[in-house]
Every structure is written in structure tokens, then in C-alpha cells.
């Protein structure tokens, strides 16, 4: 989450849950990104207007979390 390149597209909001986290999108609309993630990256998230994605990382194996973050990043910069 702390990779510098991600900062241009999104930021993680503080969380203490073991199930969900939210990221605030910097430029893209959450519903647009949600649809793109599902269609092109086989990644499901929940959009929350005006600028949040809710991510259920508890359903993501640890080894796939880097791919999940990269998918969100790619969807945002190609929006």
C-alpha cells in the first residue's frame, strides 16, 4: 500500500478491521473503477460515492494482495 506510485491514484484510509478496508480514489469515480475491475481484472470491490472503494481483503489470500492493489492502480490510471 505504501508504494509511491499508488499515491497518484489512491490512498488507504485508516482501518482496524480484519475484513474490509477503504481506499480513497484521487481522480477516478468509484463506480467506473468497480466496473472496470470486474470486467477487465476479475476483481470485485464495492463502490461508495463519492470517492471510495471498499475492499474485502479478508477474502483475498495473502499472496494475491499485491495483485489486488496493482489491479486497482491499473484500473485507476487507465480510467
PDB file of N, CA and C in Angstrom:
ATOM      1  N   UNK A   1       0.806  -1.195   0.000  1.00  0.00           N
ATOM      2  CA  UNK A   1       0.000   0.000   0.000  1.00  0.00           C
ATOM      3  C   UNK A   1       0.848   1.256   0.000  1.00  0.00           C
ATOM      4  N   UNK A   2       2.042   1.152   0.477  1.00  0.00           N
ATOM      5  CA  UNK A   2       2.880   2.335   0.624  1.00  0.00           C
ATOM      6  C   UNK A   2       3.763   2.621  -0.583  1.00  0.00           C
ATOM      7  N   UNK A   3       3.572   1.889  -1.664  1.00  0.00           N
ATOM      8  CA  UNK A   3       4.364   2.175  -2.854  1.00  0.00           C
ATOM      9  C   UNK A   3       4.034   3.576  -3.353  1.00  0.00           C
ATOM     10  N   UNK A   4       5.055   4.303  -3.674  1.00  0.00           N
ATOM     11  CA  UNK A   4       4.891   5.694  -4.081  1.00  0.00           C
ATOM     12  C   UNK A   4       3.968   5.848  -5.287  1.00  0.00           C
ATOM     13  N   UNK A   5       4.029   4.922  -6.228  1.00  0.00           N
ATOM     14  CA  UNK A   5       3.204   5.058  -7.435  1.00  0.00           C
ATOM     15  C   UNK A   5       1.712   5.016  -7.111  1.00  0.00           C
ATOM     16  N   UNK A   6       1.323   4.274  -6.079  1.00  0.00           N
ATOM     17  CA  UNK A   6      -0.089   4.186  -5.730  1.00  0.00           C
ATOM     18  C   UNK A   6      -0.651   5.523  -5.273  1.00  0.00           C
ATOM     19  N   UNK A   7       0.194   6.366  -4.706  1.00  0.00           N
ATOM     20  CA  UNK A   7      -0.254   7.650  -4.159  1.00  0.00           C
ATOM     21  C   UNK A   7      -0.892   8.544  -5.213  1.00  0.00           C
ATOM     22  N   UNK A   8      -0.530   8.378  -6.470  1.00  0.00           N
ATOM     23  CA  UNK A   8      -1.148   9.202  -7.510  1.00  0.00           C
ATOM     24  C   UNK A   8      -2.590   8.787  -7.787  1.00  0.00           C
ATOM     25  N   UNK A   9      -2.940   7.538  -7.477  1.00  0.00           N
ATOM     26  CA  UNK A   9      -4.262   7.021  -7.815  1.00  0.00           C
ATOM     27  C   UNK A   9      -5.185   6.868  -6.611  1.00  0.00           C
ATOM     28  N   UNK A  10      -4.636   6.459  -5.460  1.00  0.00           N
ATOM     29  CA  UNK A  10      -5.487   6.214  -4.295  1.00  0.00           C
ATOM     30  C   UNK A  10      -4.674   6.260  -3.006  1.00  0.00           C
ATOM     31  N   UNK A  11      -5.417   6.349  -1.898  1.00  0.00           N
ATOM     32  CA  UNK A  11      -4.794   6.274  -0.575  1.00  0.00           C
ATOM     33  C   UNK A  11      -5.642   5.383   0.309  1.00  0.00           C
ATOM     34  N   UNK A  12      -4.986   4.608   1.154  1.00  0.00           N
ATOM     35  CA  UNK A  12      -5.705   3.761   2.096  1.00  0.00           C
ATOM     36  C   UNK A  12      -6.181   4.601   3.268  1.00  0.00           C
ATOM     37  N   UNK A  13      -7.417   4.395   3.665  1.00  0.00           N
ATOM     38  CA  UNK A  13      -7.934   5.059   4.851  1.00  0.00           C
ATOM     39  C   UNK A  13      -7.604   4.193   6.069  1.00  0.00           C
ATOM     40  N   UNK A  14      -7.460   4.801   7.229  1.00  0.00           N
ATOM     41  CA  UNK A  14      -7.178   4.010   8.426  1.00  0.00           C
ATOM     42  C   UNK A  14      -8.276   2.969   8.657  1.00  0.00           C
ATOM     43  N   UNK A  15      -7.871   1.791   9.084  1.00  0.00           N
ATOM     44  CA  UNK A  15      -8.836   0.729   9.365  1.00  0.00           C
ATOM     45  C   UNK A  15      -8.269  -0.176  10.445  1.00  0.00           C
ATOM     46  N   UNK A  16      -9.145  -0.831  11.167  1.00  0.00           N
ATOM     47  CA  UNK A  16      -8.705  -1.762  12.195  1.00  0.00           C
ATOM     48  C   UNK A  16      -9.436  -3.090  12.087  1.00  0.00           C
ATOM     49  N   UNK A  17     -10.166  -3.245  11.048  1.00  0.00           N
ATOM     50  CA  UNK A  17     -10.935  -4.462  10.836  1.00  0.00           C
ATOM     51  C   UNK A  17     -10.063  -5.518  10.166  1.00  0.00           C
ATOM     52  N   UNK A  18     -10.400  -6.742  10.411  1.00  0.00           N
ATOM     53  CA  UNK A  18      -9.719  -7.828   9.738  1.00  0.00           C
ATOM     54  C   UNK A  18     -10.435  -8.249   8.470  1.00  0.00           C
ATOM     55  N   UNK A  19     -11.443  -7.481   8.051  1.00  0.00           N
ATOM     56  CA  UNK A  19     -12.271  -7.890   6.926  1.00  0.00           C
ATOM     57  C   UNK A  19     -12.248  -6.913   5.755  1.00  0.00           C
ATOM     58  N   UNK A  20     -12.401  -5.636   6.042  1.00  0.00           N
ATOM     59  CA  UNK A  20     -12.547  -4.643   4.987  1.00  0.00           C
ATOM     60  C   UNK A  20     -11.579  -3.488   5.180  1.00  0.00           C
ATOM     61  N   UNK A  21     -11.286  -2.845   4.079  1.00  0.00           N
ATOM     62  CA  UNK A  21     -10.567  -1.580   4.109  1.00  0.00           C
ATOM     63  C   UNK A  21     -11.142  -0.709   3.011  1.00  0.00           C
ATOM     64  N   UNK A  22     -10.974   0.582   3.143  1.00  0.00           N
ATOM     65  CA  UNK A  22     -11.413   1.505   2.106  1.00  0.00           C
ATOM     66  C   UNK A  22     -10.216   2.253   1.551  1.00  0.00           C
ATOM     67  N   UNK A  23     -10.271   2.483   0.256  1.00  0.00           N
ATOM     68  CA  UNK A  23      -9.269   3.340  -0.377  1.00  0.00           C
ATOM     69  C   UNK A  23     -10.007   4.520  -0.998  1.00  0.00           C
ATOM     70  N   UNK A  24      -9.419   5.685  -0.833  1.00  0.00           N
ATOM     71  CA  UNK A  24      -9.980   6.902  -1.415  1.00  0.00           C
ATOM     72  C   UNK A  24      -9.313   7.127  -2.763  1.00  0.00           C
ATOM     73  N   UNK A  25     -10.136   7.194  -3.795  1.00  0.00           N
ATOM     74  CA  UNK A  25      -9.622   7.429  -5.139  1.00  0.00           C
ATOM     75  C   UNK A  25      -9.321   8.903  -5.311  1.00  0.00           C
ATOM     76  N   UNK A  26      -8.218   9.195  -5.963  1.00  0.00           N
ATOM     77  CA  UNK A  26      -7.801  10.588  -6.111  1.00  0.00           C
ATOM     78  C   UNK A  26      -8.469  11.272  -7.306  1.00  0.00           C
ATOM     79  N   UNK A  27      -8.691  10.539  -8.398  1.00  0.00           N
ATOM     80  CA  UNK A  27      -9.217  11.170  -9.612  1.00  0.00           C
ATOM     81  C   UNK A  27     -10.401  10.434 -10.212  1.00  0.00           C
ATOM     82  N   UNK A  28     -10.419   9.143 -10.128  1.00  0.00           N
ATOM     83  CA  UNK A  28     -11.430   8.334 -10.811  1.00  0.00           C
ATOM     84  C   UNK A  28     -12.692   8.181  -9.968  1.00  0.00           C
ATOM     85  N   UNK A  29     -13.799   7.915 -10.628  1.00  0.00           N
ATOM     86  CA  UNK A  29     -15.074   7.663  -9.967  1.00  0.00           C
ATOM     87  C   UNK A  29     -15.120   6.207  -9.512  1.00  0.00           C
ATOM     88  N   UNK A  30     -15.592   5.944  -8.304  1.00  0.00           N
ATOM     89  CA  UNK A  30     -15.567   4.577  -7.790  1.00  0.00           C
ATOM     90  C   UNK A  30     -16.402   3.586  -8.598  1.00  0.00           C
ATOM     91  N   UNK A  31     -17.564   3.986  -9.080  1.00  0.00           N
ATOM     92  CA  UNK A  31     -18.385   3.047  -9.847  1.00  0.00           C
ATOM     93  C   UNK A  31     -17.725   2.696 -11.174  1.00  0.00           C
ATOM     94  N   UNK A  32     -17.068   3.645 -11.784  1.00  0.00           N
ATOM     95  CA  UNK A  32     -16.330   3.392 -13.026  1.00  0.00           C
ATOM     96  C   UNK A  32     -15.216   2.384 -12.774  1.00  0.00           C
ATOM     97  N   UNK A  33     -14.486   2.578 -11.696  1.00  0.00           N
ATOM     98  CA  UNK A  33     -13.386   1.678 -11.364  1.00  0.00           C
ATOM     99  C   UNK A  33     -13.906   0.303 -10.968  1.00  0.00           C
ATOM    100  N   UNK A  34     -14.989   0.255 -10.211  1.00  0.00           N
ATOM    101  CA  UNK A  34     -15.577  -1.031  -9.821  1.00  0.00           C
ATOM    102  C   UNK A  34     -15.921  -1.867 -11.054  1.00  0.00           C
ATOM    103  N   UNK A  35     -16.575  -1.242 -12.023  1.00  0.00           N
ATOM    104  CA  UNK A  35     -16.956  -1.959 -13.242  1.00  0.00           C
ATOM    105  C   UNK A  35     -15.733  -2.412 -14.025  1.00  0.00           C
ATOM    106  N   UNK A  36     -14.747  -1.537 -14.138  1.00  0.00           N
ATOM    107  CA  UNK A  36     -13.534  -1.888 -14.876  1.00  0.00           C
ATOM    108  C   UNK A  36     -12.792  -3.035 -14.189  1.00  0.00           C
ATOM    109  N   UNK A  37     -12.705  -2.994 -12.868  1.00  0.00           N
ATOM    110  CA  UNK A  37     -12.034  -4.061 -12.132  1.00  0.00           C
ATOM    111  C   UNK A  37     -12.718  -5.401 -12.358  1.00  0.00           C
ATOM    112  N   UNK A  38     -14.013  -5.398 -12.358  1.00  0.00           N
ATOM    113  CA  UNK A  38     -14.758  -6.638 -12.553  1.00  0.00           C
ATOM    114  C   UNK A  38     -14.612  -7.162 -13.975  1.00  0.00           C
ATOM    115  N   UNK A  39     -14.748  -6.278 -14.954  1.00  0.00           N
ATOM    116  CA  UNK A  39     -14.726  -6.687 -16.355  1.00  0.00           C
ATOM    117  C   UNK A  39     -13.333  -7.039 -16.869  1.00  0.00           C
ATOM    118  N   UNK A  40     -12.324  -6.263 -16.510  1.00  0.00           N
ATOM    119  CA  UNK A  40     -11.001  -6.437 -17.104  1.00  0.00           C
ATOM    120  C   UNK A  40      -9.985  -7.103 -16.195  1.00  0.00           C
ATOM    121  N   UNK A  41     -10.220  -7.079 -14.881  1.00  0.00           N
ATOM    122  CA  UNK A  41      -9.216  -7.582 -13.950  1.00  0.00           C
ATOM    123  C   UNK A  41      -9.739  -8.708 -13.058  1.00  0.00           C
ATOM    124  N   UNK A  42     -10.986  -9.127 -13.265  1.00  0.00           N
ATOM    125  CA  UNK A  42     -11.582 -10.196 -12.477  1.00  0.00           C
ATOM    126  C   UNK A  42     -11.433  -9.918 -10.980  1.00  0.00           C
ATOM    127  N   UNK A  43     -11.677  -8.656 -10.601  1.00  0.00           N
ATOM    128  CA  UNK A  43     -11.512  -8.208  -9.222  1.00  0.00           C
ATOM    129  C   UNK A  43     -12.790  -7.528  -8.774  1.00  0.00           C
ATOM    130  N   UNK A  44     -13.365  -7.995  -7.676  1.00  0.00           N
ATOM    131  CA  UNK A  44     -14.603  -7.423  -7.182  1.00  0.00           C
ATOM    132  C   UNK A  44     -14.384  -6.554  -5.957  1.00  0.00           C
ATOM    133  N   UNK A  45     -14.931  -5.353  -5.991  1.00  0.00           N
ATOM    134  CA  UNK A  45     -14.913  -4.414  -4.868  1.00  0.00           C
ATOM    135  C   UNK A  45     -16.284  -3.746  -4.805  1.00  0.00           C
ATOM    136  N   UNK A  46     -16.509  -2.961  -3.773  1.00  0.00           N
ATOM    137  CA  UNK A  46     -17.757  -2.217  -3.622  1.00  0.00           C
ATOM    138  C   UNK A  46     -17.445  -0.735  -3.802  1.00  0.00           C
ATOM    139  N   UNK A  47     -18.226  -0.056  -4.613  1.00  0.00           N
ATOM    140  CA  UNK A  47     -18.027   1.386  -4.783  1.00  0.00           C
ATOM    141  C   UNK A  47     -18.905   2.133  -3.791  1.00  0.00           C
ATOM    142  N   UNK A  48     -18.346   3.197  -3.231  1.00  0.00           N
ATOM    143  CA  UNK A  48     -19.059   4.047  -2.286  1.00  0.00           C
ATOM    144  C   UNK A  48     -18.814   5.483  -2.722  1.00  0.00           C
ATOM    145  N   UNK A  49     -19.870   6.124  -3.206  1.00  0.00           N
ATOM    146  CA  UNK A  49     -19.734   7.507  -3.663  1.00  0.00           C
ATOM    147  C   UNK A  49     -19.430   8.423  -2.492  1.00  0.00           C
ATOM    148  N   UNK A  50     -18.682   9.468  -2.634  1.00  0.00           N
ATOM    149  CA  UNK A  50     -18.247   9.999  -3.911  1.00  0.00           C
ATOM    150  C   UNK A  50     -16.876   9.513  -4.377  1.00  0.00           C
ATOM    151  N   UNK A  51     -16.063   8.872  -3.481  1.00  0.00           N
ATOM    152  CA  UNK A  51     -14.685   8.602  -3.903  1.00  0.00           C
ATOM    153  C   UNK A  51     -14.043   7.378  -3.252  1.00  0.00           C
ATOM    154  N   UNK A  52     -14.835   6.426  -2.756  1.00  0.00           N
ATOM    155  CA  UNK A  52     -14.265   5.284  -2.039  1.00  0.00           C
ATOM    156  C   UNK A  52     -14.507   3.955  -2.738  1.00  0.00           C
ATOM    157  N   UNK A  53     -13.539   3.065  -2.581  1.00  0.00           N
ATOM    158  CA  UNK A  53     -13.707   1.650  -2.892  1.00  0.00           C
ATOM    159  C   UNK A  53     -13.582   0.891  -1.578  1.00  0.00           C
ATOM    160  N   UNK A  54     -14.490  -0.018  -1.349  1.00  0.00           N
ATOM    161  CA  UNK A  54     -14.430  -0.881  -0.165  1.00  0.00           C
ATOM    162  C   UNK A  54     -13.912  -2.236  -0.628  1.00  0.00           C
ATOM    163  N   UNK A  55     -12.845  -2.672   0.008  1.00  0.00           N
ATOM    164  CA  UNK A  55     -12.141  -3.883  -0.406  1.00  0.00           C
ATOM    165  C   UNK A  55     -12.241  -4.920   0.713  1.00  0.00           C
ATOM    166  N   UNK A  56     -12.709  -6.109   0.377  1.00  0.00           N
ATOM    167  CA  UNK A  56     -12.783  -7.211   1.345  1.00  0.00           C
ATOM    168  C   UNK A  56     -11.496  -8.020   1.253  1.00  0.00           C
ATOM    169  N   UNK A  57     -10.467  -7.524   1.915  1.00  0.00           N
ATOM    170  CA  UNK A  57      -9.197  -8.224   1.809  1.00  0.00           C
ATOM    171  C   UNK A  57      -9.198  -9.525   2.598  1.00  0.00           C
ATOM    172  N   UNK A  58     -10.176  -9.721   3.470  1.00  0.00           N
ATOM    173  CA  UNK A  58     -10.258 -10.979   4.216  1.00  0.00           C
ATOM    174  C   UNK A  58     -10.560 -12.157   3.288  1.00  0.00           C
ATOM    175  N   UNK A  59     -11.140 -11.873   2.126  1.00  0.00           N
ATOM    176  CA  UNK A  59     -11.464 -12.911   1.158  1.00  0.00           C
ATOM    177  C   UNK A  59     -10.343 -13.099   0.139  1.00  0.00           C
ATOM    178  N   UNK A  60      -9.225 -12.403   0.344  1.00  0.00           N
ATOM    179  CA  UNK A  60      -8.108 -12.446  -0.595  1.00  0.00           C
ATOM    180  C   UNK A  60      -6.925 -13.149   0.053  1.00  0.00           C
ATOM    181  N   UNK A  61      -6.434 -14.223  -0.549  1.00  0.00           N
ATOM    182  CA  UNK A  61      -5.236 -14.860   0.009  1.00  0.00           C
ATOM    183  C   UNK A  61      -4.067 -13.860   0.074  1.00  0.00           C
ATOM    184  N   UNK A  62      -3.273 -13.952   1.106  1.00  0.00           N
ATOM    185  CA  UNK A  62      -2.154 -13.021   1.294  1.00  0.00           C
ATOM    186  C   UNK A  62      -1.296 -12.885   0.051  1.00  0.00           C
ATOM    187  N   UNK A  63      -1.052 -13.981  -0.635  1.00  0.00           N
ATOM    188  CA  UNK A  63      -0.174 -13.948  -1.809  1.00  0.00           C
ATOM    189  C   UNK A  63      -0.768 -13.132  -2.959  1.00  0.00           C
ATOM    190  N   UNK A  64      -2.092 -12.889  -2.937  1.00  0.00           N
ATOM    191  CA  UNK A  64      -2.746 -12.145  -4.013  1.00  0.00           C
ATOM    192  C   UNK A  64      -2.999 -10.670  -3.681  1.00  0.00           C
ATOM    193  N   UNK A  65      -2.678 -10.243  -2.474  1.00  0.00           N
ATOM    194  CA  UNK A  65      -2.911  -8.849  -2.110  1.00  0.00           C
ATOM    195  C   UNK A  65      -2.100  -7.892  -2.982  1.00  0.00           C
ATOM    196  N   UNK A  66      -0.824  -8.169  -3.280  1.00  0.00           N
ATOM    197  CA  UNK A  66      -0.117  -7.270  -4.201  1.00  0.00           C
ATOM    198  C   UNK A  66      -0.807  -7.165  -5.565  1.00  0.00           C
ATOM    199  N   UNK A  67      -1.325  -8.266  -6.079  1.00  0.00           N
ATOM    200  CA  UNK A  67      -2.041  -8.237  -7.355  1.00  0.00           C
ATOM    201  C   UNK A  67      -3.327  -7.425  -7.237  1.00  0.00           C
ATOM    202  N   UNK A  68      -4.029  -7.560  -6.132  1.00  0.00           N
ATOM    203  CA  UNK A  68      -5.244  -6.781  -5.897  1.00  0.00           C
ATOM    204  C   UNK A  68      -4.947  -5.283  -5.943  1.00  0.00           C
ATOM    205  N   UNK A  69      -3.912  -4.858  -5.248  1.00  0.00           N
ATOM    206  CA  UNK A  69      -3.548  -3.441  -5.237  1.00  0.00           C
ATOM    207  C   UNK A  69      -3.106  -2.971  -6.614  1.00  0.00           C
ATOM    208  N   UNK A  70      -2.357  -3.802  -7.302  1.00  0.00           N
ATOM    209  CA  UNK A  70      -1.913  -3.439  -8.653  1.00  0.00           C
ATOM    210  C   UNK A  70      -3.102  -3.328  -9.603  1.00  0.00           C
ATOM    211  N   UNK A  71      -4.082  -4.217  -9.466  1.00  0.00           N
ATOM    212  CA  UNK A  71      -5.285  -4.140 -10.297  1.00  0.00           C
ATOM    213  C   UNK A  71      -6.021  -2.822 -10.072  1.00  0.00           C
ATOM    214  N   UNK A  72      -6.168  -2.427  -8.816  1.00  0.00           N
ATOM    215  CA  UNK A  72      -6.832  -1.158  -8.520  1.00  0.00           C
ATOM    216  C   UNK A  72      -6.049  -0.006  -9.144  1.00  0.00           C
ATOM    217  N   UNK A  73      -4.751  -0.039  -8.979  1.00  0.00           N
ATOM    218  CA  UNK A  73      -3.901   1.018  -9.538  1.00  0.00           C
ATOM    219  C   UNK A  73      -4.046   1.090 -11.062  1.00  0.00           C
ATOM    220  N   UNK A  74      -3.934  -0.044 -11.724  1.00  0.00           N
ATOM    221  CA  UNK A  74      -4.022  -0.072 -13.191  1.00  0.00           C
ATOM    222  C   UNK A  74      -5.378   0.425 -13.669  1.00  0.00           C
ATOM    223  N   UNK A  75      -6.439  -0.004 -12.995  1.00  0.00           N
ATOM    224  CA  UNK A  75      -7.779   0.443 -13.372  1.00  0.00           C
ATOM    225  C   UNK A  75      -7.918   1.958 -13.215  1.00  0.00           C
ATOM    226  N   UNK A  76      -7.306   2.504 -12.178  1.00  0.00           N
ATOM    227  CA  UNK A  76      -7.399   3.948 -11.934  1.00  0.00           C
ATOM    228  C   UNK A  76      -6.606   4.762 -12.962  1.00  0.00           C
ATOM    229  N   UNK A  77      -5.422   4.322 -13.292  1.00  0.00           N
ATOM    230  CA  UNK A  77      -4.614   5.139 -14.211  1.00  0.00           C
ATOM    231  C   UNK A  77      -5.080   4.988 -15.648  1.00  0.00           C
ATOM    232  N   UNK A  78      -5.831   3.937 -15.933  1.00  0.00           N
ATOM    233  CA  UNK A  78      -6.349   3.735 -17.283  1.00  0.00           C
ATOM    234  C   UNK A  78      -7.813   4.134 -17.400  1.00  0.00           C
ATOM    235  N   UNK A  79      -8.312   4.819 -16.376  1.00  0.00           N
ATOM    236  CA  UNK A  79      -9.743   5.205 -16.364  1.00  0.00           C
ATOM    237  C   UNK A  79     -10.003   6.351 -17.324  1.00  0.00           C
TER     238      UNK A  79
END
